[in-house]
Amino acid sequence: MSHKTRVVFTVHETDAGQPYMTMEFHDDVPGLPAEPPVFEFVDGSTMEEAEVIAKLMNAKISAYHPLP
């Protein structure tokens, strides 16, 4: 049986002003890392662009399966 967790994508900003996004887990699933995965945007991406991407992902992705 495959476990899954609800997820939320959240945008953050480095001290240098570079946006990045985390995928936060909302359920306990064996084998998940303690820290959320981090997605780095390409250089030149703006916070506004990152927020649009996170909003779309939150609207269209409901869960994550760590195992097939």
C-alpha atoms as a PDB file:
ATOM      1  CA  MET A   1       0.000   0.000   0.000  1.00  0.00           C
ATOM      2  CA  SER A   2       1.304   3.424  -0.923  1.00  0.00           C
ATOM      3  CA  HIS A   3       1.143   6.170   1.671  1.00  0.00           C
ATOM      4  CA  LYS A   4       0.498   9.756   0.705  1.00  0.00           C
ATOM      5  CA  THR A   5       0.552  13.144   2.363  1.00  0.00           C
ATOM      6  CA  ARG A   6      -1.275  16.356   1.674  1.00  0.00           C
ATOM      7  CA  VAL A   7       1.137  19.077   0.548  1.00  0.00           C
ATOM      8  CA  VAL A   8       1.319  22.850   0.436  1.00  0.00           C
ATOM      9  CA  PHE A   9       3.785  24.812  -1.685  1.00  0.00           C
ATOM     10  CA  THR A  10       5.167  27.937  -0.024  1.00  0.00           C
ATOM     11  CA  VAL A  11       7.440  30.614  -1.488  1.00  0.00           C
ATOM     12  CA  HIS A  12      10.383  32.017   0.455  1.00  0.00           C
ATOM     13  CA  GLU A  13      13.229  34.380  -0.349  1.00  0.00           C
ATOM     14  CA  THR A  14      16.965  34.054   0.314  1.00  0.00           C
ATOM     15  CA  ASP A  15      18.957  36.879   1.890  1.00  0.00           C
ATOM     16  CA  ALA A  16      20.152  37.670  -1.644  1.00  0.00           C
ATOM     17  CA  GLY A  17      16.558  38.115  -2.849  1.00  0.00           C
ATOM     18  CA  GLN A  18      16.313  34.838  -4.811  1.00  0.00           C
ATOM     19  CA  PRO A  19      12.909  33.138  -4.489  1.00  0.00           C
ATOM     20  CA  TYR A  20      12.624  29.439  -3.698  1.00  0.00           C
ATOM     21  CA  MET A  21       9.690  27.163  -2.934  1.00  0.00           C
ATOM     22  CA  THR A  22       9.190  24.427  -0.352  1.00  0.00           C
ATOM     23  CA  MET A  23       6.768  21.512  -0.439  1.00  0.00           C
ATOM     24  CA  GLU A  24       5.455  21.160   3.106  1.00  0.00           C
ATOM     25  CA  PHE A  25       4.046  17.812   4.219  1.00  0.00           C
ATOM     26  CA  HIS A  26       0.821  17.774   6.234  1.00  0.00           C
ATOM     27  CA  ASP A  27       0.585  14.097   7.158  1.00  0.00           C
ATOM     28  CA  ASP A  28       2.961  11.613   8.773  1.00  0.00           C
ATOM     29  CA  VAL A  29       4.261   9.107   6.246  1.00  0.00           C
ATOM     30  CA  PRO A  30       7.095   6.661   6.953  1.00  0.00           C
ATOM     31  CA  GLY A  31      10.272   7.600   5.112  1.00  0.00           C
ATOM     32  CA  LEU A  32       9.562  11.300   4.557  1.00  0.00           C
ATOM     33  CA  PRO A  33      12.511  13.603   5.273  1.00  0.00           C
ATOM     34  CA  ALA A  34      12.301  15.844   8.335  1.00  0.00           C
ATOM     35  CA  GLU A  35      12.880  18.951   6.221  1.00  0.00           C
ATOM     36  CA  PRO A  36      10.637  19.805   3.264  1.00  0.00           C
ATOM     37  CA  PRO A  37      11.996  19.539  -0.280  1.00  0.00           C
ATOM     38  CA  VAL A  38      13.226  22.830  -1.733  1.00  0.00           C
ATOM     39  CA  PHE A  39      12.745  23.937  -5.340  1.00  0.00           C
ATOM     40  CA  GLU A  40      15.077  26.640  -6.646  1.00  0.00           C
ATOM     41  CA  PHE A  41      13.882  28.970  -9.387  1.00  0.00           C
ATOM     42  CA  VAL A  42      16.121  30.000 -12.281  1.00  0.00           C
ATOM     43  CA  ASP A  43      18.151  33.162 -11.862  1.00  0.00           C
ATOM     44  CA  GLY A  44      16.134  36.243 -12.648  1.00  0.00           C
ATOM     45  CA  SER A  45      12.839  34.817 -11.363  1.00  0.00           C
ATOM     46  CA  THR A  46      10.816  37.289  -9.352  1.00  0.00           C
ATOM     47  CA  MET A  47       8.876  36.746  -6.135  1.00  0.00           C
ATOM     48  CA  GLU A  48       5.700  37.543  -8.074  1.00  0.00           C
ATOM     49  CA  GLU A  49       6.431  34.793 -10.605  1.00  0.00           C
ATOM     50  CA  ALA A  50       7.230  32.345  -7.810  1.00  0.00           C
ATOM     51  CA  GLU A  51       3.941  33.181  -6.053  1.00  0.00           C
ATOM     52  CA  VAL A  52       1.989  32.527  -9.273  1.00  0.00           C
ATOM     53  CA  ILE A  53       3.673  29.135  -9.659  1.00  0.00           C
ATOM     54  CA  ALA A  54       3.018  28.192  -6.014  1.00  0.00           C
ATOM     55  CA  LYS A  55      -0.611  29.282  -6.287  1.00  0.00           C
ATOM     56  CA  LEU A  56      -1.114  27.131  -9.391  1.00  0.00           C
ATOM     57  CA  MET A  57       0.599  24.126  -7.805  1.00  0.00           C
ATOM     58  CA  ASN A  58      -1.503  24.470  -4.642  1.00  0.00           C
ATOM     59  CA  ALA A  59      -4.640  24.595  -6.790  1.00  0.00           C
ATOM     60  CA  LYS A  60      -3.732  21.518  -8.860  1.00  0.00           C
ATOM     61  CA  ILE A  61      -1.639  19.227  -6.609  1.00  0.00           C
ATOM     62  CA  SER A  62      -3.357  17.685  -3.621  1.00  0.00           C
ATOM     63  CA  ALA A  63      -0.965  14.992  -2.410  1.00  0.00           C
ATOM     64  CA  TYR A  64       2.492  13.478  -2.704  1.00  0.00           C
ATOM     65  CA  HIS A  65       3.299   9.743  -2.802  1.00  0.00           C
ATOM     66  CA  PRO A  66       6.890   9.150  -1.627  1.00  0.00           C
ATOM     67  CA  LEU A  67       6.751   5.524  -2.820  1.00  0.00           C
ATOM     68  CA  PRO A  68       5.271   4.106  -6.034  1.00  0.00           C
END
